[in-house]
Amino acid sequence: MLGVTGSIAVYKAADLTSRLVKAGYIVDVVMTEAAQEFVQPLTFQALTHRPVVTEMFNLHSEMAVEHIALAERADVLLIAPATANIIAKLRYGFADDMLSCTALATRAPIVIAPAMNNGMYENPVTQENIAVLKERGVTFVGPGEGYLACGTVGRGRLTEIMDIFDAVKIALGRKGDLMGKRIVVTAGGTEEPIDPVRCITNRSSGKMGYALAEAARDRGAEVHLIAGPGSLRTPYGVRFTAVRTANDMFAAVQAATRDCHAVLMAAAVSDYRVAEVAKQKIKKSASSLSLELAKNPDILASLTGDFIKIGFAAESQDLLANAQMKLQAKGLHMIVANDISRAGSGFGGDTNEATLLFPDGRREALPLMTKERLAHIILDRTTDLY
């Protein structure tokens, strides 16, 4: 259920509603009287294909006590944008409109995305109201900082829509099958410097690792994502560590896995590094350049502990044979093998075709699918391994 209150940011709630519906959510919208001054209910009705609730008492409603029925069928109550007024109402338990009544009656998780003038947000009264609601288990996402509709610059603008979307997924995942699990995920390629300008790297985009991190988060896990350089958006609600070189990732993974239940090593870590990095930019005066390479540590093989270890094998030939060797050599519980030479299954794409290999000889061939879907299948098998 989406509660919409009277903020200029209400137009962003329409975009949020569209994204939720496209993702398969059933969205019921409750608008306050002030919200209707900015956007008409018809906008949300067109997006959700459902009636929009605007009145405290609707004699024509199919529900005898509408706010109770809404409260009971909600899996999560999201209020976005949320004004200082609605936050104050919820803190003190006021119930003088449909949204505040429903919020008081629901037992579903409540997520609030504030949007207001920075002075109103920073006011001690508002901060106290937010602190009290947080103590009661209400989740706050944002606000962001920047240019505000009133012409000032400060903290108070509605945070990024995708962060709000992710906060909803986290709230829905509180009873997921990975609740209470701590999972470390690595993603992306690493960079090995040649000089202050150049480096050796690979074509990994990090999409598979990021998909794993988001899927584990959505299923209730506490996720630590360790990623090499890239342009992907950092997932909301996960612990994030940025690394650059293989040795950086080695140190970060060693520290993160001291207290975890599983590590999913989806990163494409450089096997070699430049033995001696030039302190100054190498000039192109010579007709050729030779580099001496030194071997990097094998991160997965070095890990020991009472946790699940899952590796990835991106191969261009002898896929299953090479993956089987890695599975045994690194002491893994499972390895995900994919042929990067196959269409739709290489670096940088949004899909993958993989085979899962296990130490007991089992193999599970999976068809081409989105990396998000593959991530959930990998996590399904991870829960089986527990």
Protein backbone atom coordinates (compact mmCIF):
# COMPACT_ATOMS: atom_id res chain seq x y z
CA MET A 1 0.00 0.00 0.00
CA LEU A 2 1.33 3.42 -0.98
CA GLY A 3 0.43 6.46 1.07
CA VAL A 4 0.85 9.77 -0.76
CA THR A 5 0.90 13.05 1.16
CA GLY A 6 0.96 16.75 0.23
CA SER A 7 4.47 17.43 -1.03
CA ILE A 8 5.68 18.84 -4.33
CA ALA A 9 7.57 15.53 -4.67
CA VAL A 10 4.26 13.73 -5.13
CA TYR A 11 4.89 13.57 -8.88
CA LYS A 12 7.80 11.22 -8.17
CA ALA A 13 5.37 8.88 -6.42
CA ALA A 14 3.74 8.31 -9.80
CA ASP A 15 7.07 7.07 -11.20
CA LEU A 16 7.53 4.87 -8.12
CA THR A 17 4.03 3.44 -8.55
CA SER A 18 4.72 2.61 -12.18
CA ARG A 19 7.93 0.79 -11.27
CA LEU A 20 6.21 -1.21 -8.53
CA VAL A 21 3.40 -2.27 -10.84
CA LYS A 22 5.81 -3.25 -13.61
CA ALA A 23 7.72 -5.38 -11.08
CA GLY A 24 4.54 -7.33 -10.33
CA TYR A 25 3.36 -5.69 -7.12
CA ILE A 26 -0.32 -5.05 -6.43
CA VAL A 27 -0.41 -1.40 -5.35
CA ASP A 28 -3.28 0.23 -3.45
CA VAL A 29 -2.87 4.00 -3.20
CA VAL A 30 -4.19 6.16 -0.36
CA MET A 31 -4.01 9.92 -0.95
CA THR A 32 -4.39 12.63 1.65
CA GLU A 33 -6.48 15.70 0.85
CA ALA A 34 -3.33 17.80 0.49
CA ALA A 35 -1.78 15.31 -1.95
CA GLN A 36 -4.75 15.77 -4.26
CA GLU A 37 -3.88 19.45 -4.60
CA PHE A 38 -0.72 18.39 -6.48
CA VAL A 39 -1.83 15.29 -8.44
CA GLN A 40 -5.29 13.97 -9.22
CA PRO A 41 -6.24 10.46 -8.01
CA LEU A 42 -6.91 9.49 -11.63
CA THR A 43 -3.16 9.45 -12.25
CA PHE A 44 -2.60 6.66 -9.72
CA GLN A 45 -5.76 4.85 -10.77
CA ALA A 46 -4.47 4.71 -14.34
CA LEU A 47 -1.10 3.38 -13.18
CA THR A 48 -2.41 0.74 -10.76
CA HIS A 49 -5.70 -0.16 -12.49
CA ARG A 50 -7.23 -0.04 -9.03
CA PRO A 51 -9.43 2.50 -7.22
CA VAL A 52 -7.60 5.15 -5.25
CA VAL A 53 -8.70 5.70 -1.66
CA THR A 54 -9.21 9.37 -0.83
CA GLU A 55 -12.12 9.52 1.62
CA MET A 56 -12.35 8.71 5.29
CA PHE A 57 -15.86 7.31 4.91
CA ASN A 58 -16.92 5.77 1.63
CA LEU A 59 -20.41 4.33 1.76
CA HIS A 60 -19.94 2.77 -1.68
CA SER A 61 -16.81 0.84 -0.76
CA GLU A 62 -16.83 -2.95 -0.98
CA MET A 63 -15.17 -2.97 2.44
CA ALA A 64 -17.37 -2.31 5.46
CA VAL A 65 -14.58 -0.69 7.47
CA GLU A 66 -12.23 0.43 4.75
CA HIS A 67 -9.16 1.45 6.76
CA ILE A 68 -9.18 -1.87 8.65
CA ALA A 69 -9.51 -3.86 5.43
CA LEU A 70 -6.65 -1.91 3.84
CA ALA A 71 -4.50 -2.37 6.92
CA GLU A 72 -5.08 -6.12 7.05
CA ARG A 73 -4.34 -6.86 3.42
CA ALA A 74 -1.18 -4.75 3.19
CA ASP A 75 2.15 -6.61 3.09
CA VAL A 76 4.01 -3.33 3.47
CA LEU A 77 2.88 0.27 3.97
CA LEU A 78 5.04 2.77 2.10
CA ILE A 79 4.50 6.49 2.62
CA ALA A 80 6.24 8.44 -0.14
CA PRO A 81 6.49 11.36 -0.12
CA ALA A 82 5.97 11.76 3.63
CA THR A 83 5.54 15.27 5.01
CA ALA A 84 6.51 16.47 8.48
CA ASN A 85 2.78 16.51 9.25
CA ILE A 86 2.18 12.79 8.60
CA ILE A 87 5.35 11.88 10.50
CA ALA A 88 4.09 13.83 13.52
CA LYS A 89 0.67 12.17 13.25
CA LEU A 90 2.18 8.70 13.22
CA ARG A 91 4.43 9.46 16.18
CA TYR A 92 1.50 10.52 18.34
CA GLY A 93 -1.08 8.09 16.96
CA PHE A 94 -3.48 10.55 15.36
CA ALA A 95 -6.13 8.97 13.13
CA ASP A 96 -8.02 11.80 11.45
CA ASP A 97 -7.74 10.71 7.81
CA MET A 98 -7.64 7.45 5.88
CA LEU A 99 -3.84 7.21 5.73
CA SER A 100 -3.21 7.83 9.42
CA CYS A 101 -6.05 5.46 10.38
CA THR A 102 -4.64 2.72 8.20
CA ALA A 103 -1.10 3.24 9.50
CA LEU A 104 -2.38 2.94 13.06
CA ALA A 105 -4.29 -0.25 12.31
CA THR A 106 -1.77 -2.13 10.18
CA ARG A 107 0.66 -4.76 11.45
CA ALA A 108 2.64 -4.65 8.20
CA PRO A 109 6.14 -3.11 8.06
CA ILE A 110 6.05 0.65 7.52
CA VAL A 111 8.55 2.42 5.24
CA ILE A 112 8.67 6.22 5.18
CA ALA A 113 10.41 8.39 2.57
CA PRO A 114 10.41 12.00 3.90
CA ALA A 115 10.20 15.04 1.62
CA MET A 116 10.07 18.57 3.02
CA ASN A 117 11.90 21.86 3.42
CA ASN A 118 15.32 21.38 5.01
CA GLY A 119 14.40 23.63 7.92
CA MET A 120 11.35 21.51 8.68
CA TYR A 121 13.37 18.31 8.42
CA GLU A 122 16.19 19.57 10.65
CA ASN A 123 13.80 20.98 13.24
CA PRO A 124 14.35 19.18 16.58
CA VAL A 125 10.65 18.30 16.75
CA THR A 126 10.77 16.45 13.42
CA GLN A 127 14.03 14.75 14.34
CA GLU A 128 12.53 13.60 17.63
CA ASN A 129 9.44 12.27 15.86
CA ILE A 130 11.61 10.32 13.42
CA ALA A 131 13.75 8.91 16.24
CA VAL A 132 10.69 7.68 18.14
CA LEU A 133 9.21 6.03 15.04
CA LYS A 134 12.53 4.32 14.30
CA GLU A 135 12.54 2.91 17.83
CA ARG A 136 9.11 1.45 17.08
CA GLY A 137 10.48 -0.35 14.03
CA VAL A 138 9.52 2.08 11.27
CA THR A 139 12.04 2.23 8.40
CA PHE A 140 13.13 5.61 7.04
CA VAL A 141 14.78 5.95 3.65
CA GLY A 142 16.30 9.33 2.87
CA PRO A 143 15.80 12.19 2.55
CA GLY A 144 18.40 13.25 0.02
CA GLU A 145 20.35 16.45 -0.14
CA GLY A 146 20.28 19.03 -2.91
CA TYR A 147 18.19 21.77 -4.48
CA LEU A 148 14.70 21.98 -2.94
CA ALA A 149 11.46 23.27 -4.45
CA CYS A 150 11.47 26.22 -2.05
CA GLY A 151 14.70 27.45 -3.63
CA THR A 152 17.08 26.48 -0.84
CA VAL A 153 19.78 23.81 -0.86
CA GLY A 154 19.86 21.27 1.92
CA ARG A 155 18.62 17.93 3.14
CA GLY A 156 14.94 17.25 2.63
CA ARG A 157 14.35 16.17 -0.96
CA LEU A 158 12.75 12.81 -1.69
CA THR A 159 15.52 10.25 -2.02
CA GLU A 160 16.18 8.29 -5.19
CA ILE A 161 13.20 6.26 -6.39
CA MET A 162 15.24 3.07 -6.71
CA ASP A 163 16.40 3.38 -3.08
CA ILE A 164 12.77 3.61 -2.00
CA PHE A 165 11.93 0.62 -4.19
CA ASP A 166 14.78 -1.33 -2.58
CA ALA A 167 13.63 -0.35 0.91
CA VAL A 168 10.23 -1.89 0.11
CA LYS A 169 11.91 -5.13 -1.01
CA ILE A 170 13.99 -5.22 2.17
CA ALA A 171 10.86 -4.75 4.30
CA LEU A 172 9.15 -7.60 2.45
CA GLY A 173 12.23 -9.79 2.96
CA ARG A 174 12.22 -9.62 6.75
CA LYS A 175 10.77 -13.12 6.88
CA GLY A 176 12.81 -14.45 3.96
CA ASP A 177 14.68 -17.75 3.93
CA LEU A 178 18.04 -15.97 4.39
CA MET A 179 16.97 -13.93 7.41
CA GLY A 180 19.75 -13.93 9.98
CA LYS A 181 22.39 -15.06 7.46
CA ARG A 182 25.51 -13.01 6.78
CA ILE A 183 26.61 -13.34 3.16
CA VAL A 184 29.71 -11.94 1.48
CA VAL A 185 29.50 -11.32 -2.27
CA THR A 186 32.31 -10.18 -4.57
CA ALA A 187 31.70 -8.54 -7.93
CA GLY A 188 33.36 -6.93 -10.91
CA GLY A 189 36.89 -7.02 -12.21
CA THR A 190 40.04 -5.79 -10.49
CA GLU A 191 42.65 -3.39 -11.86
CA GLU A 192 46.41 -3.94 -11.67
CA PRO A 193 48.37 -0.70 -12.23
CA ILE A 194 51.15 -0.47 -14.80
CA ASP A 195 51.93 3.17 -14.10
CA PRO A 196 49.92 6.11 -12.69
CA VAL A 197 47.79 6.14 -15.89
CA ARG A 198 47.50 2.59 -17.23
CA CYS A 199 46.31 -0.69 -15.79
CA ILE A 200 45.58 -4.33 -16.61
CA THR A 201 41.97 -5.34 -16.14
CA ASN A 202 39.21 -7.48 -17.69
CA ARG A 203 35.73 -7.05 -19.15
CA SER A 204 33.68 -8.03 -16.10
CA SER A 205 30.80 -5.60 -15.52
CA GLY A 206 29.96 -6.84 -12.02
CA LYS A 207 26.30 -7.41 -12.94
CA MET A 208 26.22 -11.03 -11.70
CA GLY A 209 27.68 -10.16 -8.32
CA TYR A 210 25.42 -7.16 -7.87
CA ALA A 211 22.41 -9.30 -8.79
CA LEU A 212 23.45 -11.83 -6.14
CA ALA A 213 23.86 -9.12 -3.52
CA GLU A 214 20.42 -7.65 -4.22
CA ALA A 215 18.73 -11.05 -4.31
CA ALA A 216 20.28 -12.10 -0.99
CA ARG A 217 19.30 -8.77 0.56
CA ASP A 218 15.72 -9.17 -0.66
CA ARG A 219 15.57 -12.60 1.00
CA GLY A 220 16.53 -11.19 4.39
CA ALA A 221 20.29 -11.66 4.45
CA GLU A 222 22.80 -9.20 5.83
CA VAL A 223 24.95 -8.64 2.75
CA HIS A 224 28.50 -7.36 2.40
CA LEU A 225 29.29 -6.55 -1.23
CA ILE A 226 32.97 -6.20 -2.14
CA ALA A 227 33.39 -4.86 -5.66
CA GLY A 228 36.04 -3.70 -8.06
CA PRO A 229 35.82 -0.50 -10.12
CA GLY A 230 32.66 -0.10 -12.17
CA SER A 231 29.70 2.08 -13.05
CA LEU A 232 26.88 0.10 -11.41
CA ARG A 233 24.66 1.70 -8.81
CA THR A 234 25.54 0.62 -5.28
CA PRO A 235 22.59 -1.44 -4.01
CA TYR A 236 20.64 0.18 -1.19
CA GLY A 237 20.68 -1.63 2.13
CA VAL A 238 23.92 -3.59 1.72
CA ARG A 239 27.33 -2.99 3.23
CA PHE A 240 29.63 -1.93 0.40
CA THR A 241 33.40 -2.03 0.15
CA ALA A 242 35.09 -0.67 -2.96
CA VAL A 243 38.43 -2.22 -3.93
CA ARG A 244 40.75 -1.80 -6.87
CA THR A 245 43.46 -4.46 -7.00
CA ALA A 246 43.42 -8.21 -6.36
CA ASN A 247 45.39 -7.68 -3.17
CA ASP A 248 42.82 -5.11 -2.03
CA MET A 249 40.07 -7.66 -2.59
CA PHE A 250 42.08 -10.38 -0.88
CA ALA A 251 42.38 -8.28 2.29
CA ALA A 252 38.73 -7.21 2.21
CA VAL A 253 37.42 -10.76 1.72
CA GLN A 254 39.69 -12.17 4.42
CA ALA A 255 38.29 -9.63 6.90
CA ALA A 256 34.65 -9.99 5.81
CA THR A 257 34.56 -13.80 6.02
CA ARG A 258 35.66 -14.00 9.64
CA ASP A 259 32.01 -13.96 10.64
CA CYS A 260 29.83 -15.04 7.73
CA HIS A 261 27.63 -17.94 6.67
CA ALA A 262 28.51 -17.94 2.96
CA VAL A 263 30.80 -16.30 0.43
CA LEU A 264 29.84 -16.04 -3.25
CA MET A 265 32.95 -15.15 -5.23
CA ALA A 266 31.51 -13.73 -8.45
CA ALA A 267 34.34 -11.25 -9.01
CA ALA A 268 36.71 -11.69 -11.95
CA VAL A 269 39.94 -11.25 -10.02
CA SER A 270 43.16 -10.60 -11.93
CA ASP A 271 45.38 -13.68 -11.90
CA TYR A 272 48.51 -11.58 -12.35
CA ARG A 273 49.81 -8.14 -11.44
CA VAL A 274 52.69 -6.06 -12.74
CA ALA A 275 55.78 -7.00 -10.74
CA GLU A 276 57.15 -3.44 -10.65
CA VAL A 277 54.72 -0.58 -11.13
CA ALA A 278 56.28 2.50 -12.74
CA LYS A 279 56.18 5.55 -10.51
CA GLN A 280 55.82 7.88 -13.50
CA LYS A 281 53.85 7.55 -16.73
CA ILE A 282 55.67 5.34 -19.20
CA LYS A 283 56.37 7.30 -22.39
CA LYS A 284 55.76 5.63 -25.75
CA SER A 285 59.26 6.28 -27.09
CA ALA A 286 60.12 2.59 -27.48
CA SER A 287 58.65 0.47 -30.29
CA SER A 288 57.54 -2.17 -27.77
CA LEU A 289 56.99 -2.59 -24.05
CA SER A 290 57.59 -5.69 -21.94
CA LEU A 291 56.00 -6.22 -18.55
CA GLU A 292 56.99 -8.79 -15.96
CA LEU A 293 53.92 -10.21 -14.22
CA ALA A 294 53.71 -11.72 -10.75
CA LYS A 295 50.98 -14.10 -9.64
CA ASN A 296 48.21 -12.79 -7.41
CA PRO A 297 46.92 -14.74 -4.40
CA ASP A 298 44.07 -17.21 -4.96
CA ILE A 299 41.41 -15.67 -2.75
CA LEU A 300 38.90 -18.54 -2.70
CA ALA A 301 41.52 -21.24 -2.19
CA SER A 302 42.95 -19.33 0.77
CA LEU A 303 39.65 -19.06 2.65
CA THR A 304 39.09 -21.39 5.57
CA GLY A 305 36.20 -21.47 7.98
CA ASP A 306 32.81 -22.90 8.73
CA PHE A 307 30.95 -21.24 5.87
CA ILE A 308 29.69 -22.09 2.40
CA LYS A 309 32.14 -21.29 -0.42
CA ILE A 310 30.73 -20.77 -3.91
CA GLY A 311 32.91 -19.93 -6.88
CA PHE A 312 32.41 -18.96 -10.51
CA ALA A 313 34.19 -20.23 -13.61
CA ALA A 314 34.01 -18.06 -16.72
CA GLU A 315 35.59 -20.15 -19.46
CA SER A 316 35.99 -19.96 -23.23
CA GLN A 317 36.85 -23.65 -23.73
CA ASP A 318 36.56 -27.00 -21.90
CA LEU A 319 33.95 -25.40 -19.64
CA LEU A 320 32.94 -28.32 -17.44
CA ALA A 321 36.40 -29.86 -17.18
CA ASN A 322 37.98 -26.58 -16.09
CA ALA A 323 35.13 -25.83 -13.70
CA GLN A 324 35.44 -29.29 -12.14
CA MET A 325 39.16 -28.73 -11.51
CA LYS A 326 38.46 -25.37 -9.86
CA LEU A 327 35.72 -26.89 -7.72
CA GLN A 328 38.11 -29.48 -6.30
CA ALA A 329 41.27 -27.34 -6.14
CA LYS A 330 39.59 -24.55 -4.20
CA GLY A 331 37.53 -26.77 -1.89
CA LEU A 332 34.22 -25.29 -2.96
CA HIS A 333 30.69 -26.37 -2.06
CA MET A 334 29.46 -25.33 -5.52
CA ILE A 335 30.78 -23.67 -8.66
CA VAL A 336 28.81 -21.76 -11.29
CA ALA A 337 30.26 -22.35 -14.74
CA ASN A 338 29.43 -20.28 -17.81
CA ASP A 339 30.85 -20.24 -21.34
CA ILE A 340 31.67 -16.61 -22.08
CA SER A 341 31.94 -17.37 -25.80
CA ARG A 342 28.23 -18.23 -26.06
CA ALA A 343 25.77 -15.57 -27.19
CA GLY A 344 24.02 -13.90 -24.27
CA SER A 345 26.37 -15.40 -21.71
CA GLY A 346 29.45 -13.21 -21.86
CA PHE A 347 30.72 -10.32 -19.77
CA GLY A 348 28.58 -7.19 -19.57
CA GLY A 349 25.27 -8.76 -20.60
CA ASP A 350 22.04 -8.97 -18.64
CA THR A 351 21.60 -12.71 -19.18
CA ASN A 352 23.59 -15.83 -18.43
CA GLU A 353 23.53 -19.54 -19.23
CA ALA A 354 25.20 -21.58 -16.52
CA THR A 355 25.86 -25.05 -15.16
CA LEU A 356 26.07 -25.68 -11.43
CA LEU A 357 28.62 -28.29 -10.31
CA PHE A 358 28.80 -29.93 -6.88
CA PRO A 359 31.52 -31.98 -5.13
CA ASP A 360 29.39 -35.16 -5.18
CA GLY A 361 29.38 -35.14 -8.99
CA ARG A 362 25.96 -33.58 -9.48
CA ARG A 363 25.56 -31.13 -12.34
CA GLU A 364 22.60 -28.85 -13.01
CA ALA A 365 22.44 -27.27 -16.45
CA LEU A 366 20.41 -24.06 -16.53
CA PRO A 367 19.02 -22.38 -19.66
CA LEU A 368 19.66 -18.79 -20.70
CA MET A 369 17.98 -16.46 -18.20
CA THR A 370 18.37 -13.06 -16.59
CA LYS A 371 21.14 -12.67 -14.08
CA GLU A 372 18.54 -11.74 -11.47
CA ARG A 373 16.76 -15.07 -11.98
CA LEU A 374 20.05 -16.97 -11.95
CA ALA A 375 21.02 -15.21 -8.72
CA HIS A 376 17.90 -16.54 -6.99
CA ILE A 377 18.56 -20.09 -8.23
CA ILE A 378 22.12 -19.90 -6.90
CA LEU A 379 20.76 -18.72 -3.56
CA ASP A 380 18.18 -21.53 -3.60
CA ARG A 381 21.04 -24.02 -3.86
CA THR A 382 22.97 -22.13 -1.21
CA THR A 383 20.11 -22.57 1.27
CA ASP A 384 20.04 -26.28 0.38
CA LEU A 385 23.75 -26.48 1.26
CA TYR A 386 23.10 -25.09 4.74
